[in-house]
Protein backbone atom coordinates (compact mmCIF):
# COMPACT_ATOMS: atom_id res chain seq x y z
CA MET A 1 -38.08 17.44 -18.75
CA ARG A 2 -35.03 19.65 -18.59
CA THR A 3 -34.94 22.77 -20.73
CA LYS A 4 -31.94 23.49 -22.93
CA VAL A 5 -30.73 26.18 -20.48
CA GLN A 6 -30.96 23.75 -17.56
CA TRP A 7 -29.09 21.11 -19.53
CA ASN A 8 -26.31 23.50 -20.47
CA TYR A 9 -26.11 24.61 -16.85
CA PHE A 10 -25.84 20.97 -15.73
CA ILE A 11 -23.07 20.25 -18.26
CA ALA A 12 -21.13 23.38 -17.21
CA LEU A 13 -21.46 22.49 -13.51
CA THR A 14 -20.32 18.94 -14.20
CA GLN A 15 -17.27 20.19 -16.10
CA ILE A 16 -16.38 22.58 -13.28
CA LEU A 17 -16.66 19.80 -10.69
CA CYS A 18 -14.50 17.51 -12.84
CA LEU A 19 -11.85 20.23 -13.21
CA MET A 20 -11.89 20.85 -9.44
CA ALA A 21 -11.52 17.13 -8.74
CA ALA A 22 -8.65 16.85 -11.25
CA ALA A 23 -6.97 19.90 -9.70
CA LEU A 24 -7.30 18.39 -6.22
CA VAL A 25 -5.78 15.10 -7.35
CA PHE A 26 -2.92 16.95 -9.08
CA TRP A 27 -2.27 19.07 -5.98
CA ASN A 28 -2.12 15.97 -3.77
CA LEU A 29 0.26 14.25 -6.17
CA LEU A 30 2.45 17.36 -6.29
CA HIS A 31 2.62 17.87 -2.53
CA ARG A 32 2.64 14.36 -1.12
CA SER A 33 5.85 13.11 0.46
CA PRO A 34 8.06 11.12 -1.92
CA SER A 35 7.90 7.38 -1.45
CA GLN A 36 10.74 5.94 0.62
CA ASP A 37 11.62 2.28 0.96
CA LYS A 38 11.10 1.56 4.64
CA ASP A 39 14.18 -0.64 5.03
CA ILE A 40 16.77 1.93 3.90
CA TYR A 41 17.43 4.02 7.00
CA PRO A 42 16.76 1.28 9.59
CA TYR A 43 19.56 -0.65 7.89
CA LEU A 44 21.96 2.29 7.57
CA LEU A 45 21.37 3.31 11.19
CA SER A 46 21.93 -0.27 12.36
CA ILE A 47 25.53 -0.32 11.08
CA SER A 48 27.86 0.59 13.93
CA PRO A 49 30.48 3.28 13.24
CA ASN A 50 33.12 0.85 14.53
CA LEU A 51 32.22 -1.66 11.82
CA VAL A 52 32.47 1.10 9.20
CA LYS A 53 35.95 1.98 10.52
CA GLU A 54 37.03 -1.67 10.43
CA CYS A 55 35.77 -2.03 6.88
CA SER A 56 37.51 1.22 5.97
CA GLN A 57 40.84 -0.14 7.15
CA GLU A 58 40.23 -3.39 5.28
CA TYR A 59 39.20 -1.49 2.15
CA ARG A 60 42.21 0.86 2.21
CA SER A 61 44.60 -2.05 2.61
CA GLY A 62 43.98 -3.22 -0.94
CA LYS A 63 40.87 -1.64 -2.51
CA VAL A 64 40.31 -4.92 -4.34
CA VAL A 65 36.86 -5.59 -2.92
CA PRO A 66 34.28 -2.90 -3.80
CA TRP A 67 33.28 -0.86 -0.73
CA GLU A 68 29.55 -1.59 -0.97
CA ASP A 69 30.17 -5.34 -1.34
CA LEU A 70 32.50 -5.37 1.65
CA LEU A 71 30.20 -3.46 4.02
CA ALA A 72 27.03 -5.31 2.97
CA ILE A 73 28.71 -8.65 3.63
CA ARG A 74 30.39 -7.66 6.90
CA SER A 75 27.20 -6.07 8.28
CA THR A 76 25.05 -9.15 7.57
CA LEU A 77 27.08 -12.35 7.80
CA SER A 78 29.30 -13.99 10.37
CA PRO A 79 33.06 -13.49 9.84
CA GLN A 80 33.43 -17.05 8.54
CA GLU A 81 30.53 -16.81 6.07
CA GLY A 82 31.61 -13.34 5.01
CA GLN A 83 35.23 -14.31 4.43
CA PHE A 84 34.12 -17.10 2.07
CA LEU A 85 32.52 -14.47 -0.17
CA ILE A 86 35.23 -11.85 0.24
CA GLU A 87 37.95 -14.26 -0.85
CA GLN A 88 36.03 -14.74 -4.10
CA LEU A 89 35.77 -10.98 -4.57
CA LYS A 90 39.51 -10.65 -3.99
CA ASN A 91 39.96 -13.13 -6.83
CA LYS A 92 38.11 -10.74 -9.15
CA ILE A 93 34.81 -12.65 -9.12
CA SER A 94 31.98 -10.13 -9.43
CA PHE A 95 29.25 -9.90 -6.80
CA GLN A 96 26.69 -11.17 -9.33
CA ASN A 97 28.76 -14.32 -9.96
CA LEU A 98 29.57 -15.25 -6.36
CA SER A 99 29.13 -18.82 -5.17
CA TRP A 100 27.06 -18.63 -1.98
CA GLY A 101 27.69 -22.18 -0.82
CA ASN A 102 25.42 -23.14 2.09
CA ILE A 103 24.20 -19.59 2.72
CA PRO A 104 20.35 -19.71 2.55
CA LEU A 105 18.60 -17.87 -0.26
CA PRO A 106 16.82 -15.38 2.08
CA ILE A 107 20.20 -14.35 3.54
CA LYS A 108 21.67 -14.02 0.06
CA ASN A 109 18.75 -11.80 -0.91
CA LEU A 110 19.25 -9.71 2.24
CA VAL A 111 22.94 -9.12 1.49
CA THR A 112 22.05 -8.23 -2.10
CA ARG A 113 19.39 -5.76 -0.96
CA ARG A 114 21.75 -4.15 1.52
CA ARG A 115 24.43 -3.83 -1.14
CA ASP A 116 21.88 -2.08 -3.37
CA ILE A 117 21.07 0.36 -0.54
CA LEU A 118 24.75 1.18 -0.03
CA VAL A 119 25.22 1.78 -3.76
CA HIS A 120 22.32 4.21 -4.02
CA VAL A 121 22.33 5.86 -0.56
CA GLN A 122 25.97 6.69 -0.02
CA TYR A 123 25.98 8.04 3.54
CA LEU A 124 28.72 5.59 4.51
CA THR A 125 30.79 5.77 1.33
CA PRO A 126 34.28 7.10 2.16
CA GLY A 127 34.62 10.80 1.35
CA ARG A 128 31.10 11.24 -0.05
CA TYR A 129 29.80 13.45 2.80
CA ARG A 130 31.59 16.12 4.83
CA PHE A 131 31.73 16.55 8.59
CA PRO A 132 30.05 19.91 9.35
CA VAL A 133 32.33 21.33 12.08
CA VAL A 134 35.83 22.56 11.20
CA GLY A 135 37.99 22.07 14.26
CA LYS A 136 37.69 20.37 17.63
CA THR A 137 34.15 19.47 18.71
CA TRP A 138 32.33 16.99 20.91
CA PHE A 139 28.88 15.48 20.57
CA GLU A 140 26.78 12.62 21.87
CA ASP A 141 23.64 10.75 20.87
CA SER A 142 20.73 12.82 22.22
CA PHE A 143 18.21 12.08 19.46
CA GLY A 144 14.71 11.70 20.89
CA ALA A 145 15.53 13.39 24.22
CA ASP A 146 12.81 15.53 25.80
CA ARG A 147 12.71 19.24 25.00
CA GLU A 148 10.54 21.96 26.56
CA GLY A 149 9.55 19.68 29.42
CA GLY A 150 8.53 16.83 27.17
CA LYS A 151 6.43 18.91 24.78
CA ARG A 152 8.63 17.82 21.90
CA ALA A 153 11.55 15.50 21.17
CA HIS A 154 15.06 16.41 20.08
CA GLU A 155 15.22 15.71 16.36
CA GLY A 156 18.92 16.05 15.69
CA THR A 157 22.44 16.02 17.13
CA ASP A 158 24.11 18.89 19.01
CA LEU A 159 27.79 19.46 18.22
CA PHE A 160 29.57 21.68 20.76
CA ALA A 161 32.50 23.98 20.01
CA PRO A 162 33.55 27.58 20.78
CA GLU A 163 31.53 30.44 19.34
CA GLY A 164 32.68 31.35 15.85
CA THR A 165 33.87 27.85 14.90
CA PRO A 166 33.34 27.43 11.13
CA ILE A 167 30.42 25.30 9.94
CA ILE A 168 30.52 23.78 6.44
CA ASN A 169 27.93 22.11 4.22
CA ILE A 170 27.63 18.32 4.36
CA CYS A 171 26.66 17.62 0.75
CA GLY A 172 25.78 19.45 -2.45
CA GLY A 173 22.28 20.85 -2.84
CA ARG A 174 20.22 24.06 -2.83
CA ILE A 175 19.52 26.60 -0.11
CA GLU A 176 15.89 26.10 0.88
CA GLN A 177 15.71 28.11 4.12
CA LEU A 178 17.84 31.00 5.29
CA GLY A 179 17.66 33.29 8.29
CA TRP A 180 15.89 33.45 11.62
CA ASN A 181 13.23 31.25 13.20
CA ARG A 182 12.09 30.98 16.82
CA LEU A 183 13.69 27.68 17.77
CA GLY A 184 16.67 27.53 15.45
CA GLY A 185 17.69 31.20 15.62
CA GLU A 186 19.99 31.91 12.70
CA ARG A 187 19.57 28.78 10.61
CA VAL A 188 20.29 27.39 7.15
CA GLY A 189 18.28 24.64 5.46
CA VAL A 190 19.77 22.79 2.49
CA ARG A 191 17.86 20.41 0.22
CA GLY A 192 20.61 17.94 -0.64
CA ASP A 193 21.10 16.32 -4.01
CA ASP A 194 20.15 13.09 -2.23
CA GLY A 195 16.67 14.51 -1.52
CA ASN A 196 17.25 14.96 2.21
CA TYR A 197 16.83 18.24 4.09
CA TYR A 198 19.84 19.34 6.19
CA TYR A 199 19.06 21.77 9.00
CA TYR A 200 21.88 23.84 10.55
CA ALA A 201 20.60 25.78 13.59
CA HIS A 202 21.75 28.19 16.36
CA LEU A 203 24.38 29.79 14.13
CA GLU A 204 26.15 32.93 15.31
CA THR A 205 26.44 34.15 11.73
CA ILE A 206 25.34 32.92 8.31
CA SER A 207 27.76 33.10 5.40
CA SER A 208 27.09 36.22 3.34
CA LYS A 209 27.64 34.17 0.18
CA LEU A 210 24.49 32.11 0.69
CA VAL A 211 21.36 33.00 -1.31
CA LYS A 212 18.01 31.26 -0.93
CA GLY A 213 17.34 29.09 -3.97
CA LYS A 214 20.98 29.04 -5.05
CA ARG A 215 23.26 26.01 -5.17
CA ILE A 216 25.74 25.13 -2.43
CA GLU A 217 28.45 22.49 -2.71
CA ALA A 218 29.83 20.08 -0.12
CA GLY A 219 32.44 21.79 2.04
CA GLU A 220 31.27 25.35 1.36
CA ASP A 221 30.85 27.74 4.30
CA VAL A 222 27.44 27.72 5.99
CA GLY A 223 28.23 30.03 8.89
CA THR A 224 29.71 29.96 12.38
CA MET A 225 28.90 28.23 15.66
CA GLY A 226 26.63 30.13 18.04
CA HIS A 227 23.72 29.85 20.48
CA THR A 228 20.88 31.79 18.85
CA GLY A 229 17.17 30.97 19.03
CA ASP A 230 16.11 28.76 21.93
CA ALA A 231 19.79 27.96 22.61
CA LEU A 232 20.37 31.43 24.09
CA THR A 233 21.11 30.04 27.57
CA THR A 234 23.06 26.95 26.43
CA PRO A 235 26.72 26.49 25.48
CA ASP A 236 27.55 27.29 21.87
CA HIS A 237 26.59 24.43 19.60
CA LEU A 238 25.33 23.44 16.17
CA HIS A 239 22.02 21.61 16.04
CA LEU A 240 22.14 19.39 12.97
CA GLY A 241 18.91 17.79 11.77
CA ILE A 242 18.33 15.44 8.83
CA GLU A 243 14.86 15.01 7.35
CA ILE A 244 14.51 12.26 4.75
CA PRO A 245 12.17 12.70 1.73
CA ASN A 246 9.15 11.11 3.43
CA GLY A 247 9.18 13.81 6.11
CA GLN A 248 10.77 11.73 8.88
CA TRP A 249 13.62 13.17 10.95
CA ILE A 250 16.36 10.57 11.44
CA ASN A 251 19.21 10.32 13.93
CA PRO A 252 22.36 11.98 12.48
CA TYR A 253 24.65 10.70 15.24
CA PRO A 254 25.94 7.43 13.68
CA PHE A 255 26.61 9.20 10.38
CA LEU A 256 28.41 12.09 12.09
CA VAL A 257 30.76 9.65 13.82
CA VAL A 258 31.62 8.14 10.44
CA TRP A 259 31.96 11.52 8.69
CA GLN A 260 34.25 12.77 11.45
CA TYR A 261 36.37 9.66 10.96
CA TRP A 262 36.64 10.33 7.20
CA ALA A 263 37.60 13.97 7.95
CA ASP A 264 40.33 12.84 10.37
CA GLN A 265 41.66 10.42 7.77
CA ARG A 266 41.88 13.21 5.18
CA ILE A 267 43.71 15.46 7.64
CA ASN A 268 46.14 12.70 8.61
CA ALA A 269 46.82 11.92 4.96
CA ALA A 270 47.46 15.60 4.22
CA ILE A 271 49.84 15.89 7.19
CA HIS A 272 51.65 12.73 6.09
CA ASN A 273 52.30 14.31 2.69
CA LEU A 274 53.88 17.42 4.22
CA SER A 275 57.61 17.83 4.39
CA LYS A 276 59.34 17.56 7.78
CA ASP A 277 59.70 21.35 8.02
CA GLU A 278 56.03 21.88 7.13
CA ARG A 279 54.94 19.39 9.81
CA ASN A 280 57.08 21.15 12.41
CA LEU A 281 55.54 24.52 11.50
CA LEU A 282 52.06 23.00 11.80
CA ILE A 283 52.86 21.61 15.28
CA LEU A 284 54.25 24.97 16.43
CA SER A 285 51.17 26.81 15.14
CA ARG A 286 48.86 24.39 16.94
CA PHE A 287 50.56 25.16 20.25
CA GLY A 288 50.37 28.89 19.60
CA ILE A 289 54.11 29.31 19.30
CA LEU A 290 53.78 30.87 15.84
């Protein structure tokens, strides 16, 4: 039969083990990757930039049909089926009250789900995100390409431009990483308000205004184009990576094409609003005459 001392010791040990188990559960809950609906990014990445541009032109022509409704319909249905719904939207019928005619229920549910994704994950919403390179640049889809002889895969997009080209922040968030690492060289990591991690690598310089833990807004200076880190022997470029909340790195290329398109549209609109004399001065400055 246990003595009182042994019993007290047993109770104390049990309490300690319970506290340790509770602490372990809490730690796992605190550090596990946030849940992410698996259909979100496969859908967003499946939408071609050309379709986004076509929808943009259609949207700007009247702005009667909500952007998310338009893109969800156009990216899912045939032109004939889609137009049947869009004509209703143009007549001020809300998405919730649409008549779907002969469109099967599973397809209706798919369009509805995709609309919900576009409402809450606004990568393709006009003007919501900024293109990171200020000035002329070129880039291609190299996501997944071999690096270091196949030891790892390329988890981003490289945007090439002359050394010193300004780099700006894509969306509002907080500075999570700042400074040097072996592969990225001078790099900046931003935890966006959308929960994603934006990785700007191989910078020549980092903006002196940036402070780790502090807020940064869309369009603010990140630094300048360079070739630091493992890009020492390559042409100057920005490596842009996007890590979604579940820890997966996704392909930035389709989004960059769209964001560059939005940036060009803003520039063209600004030029259009200039006076004739202001436009002439801009042209002269571009050719180095001024």
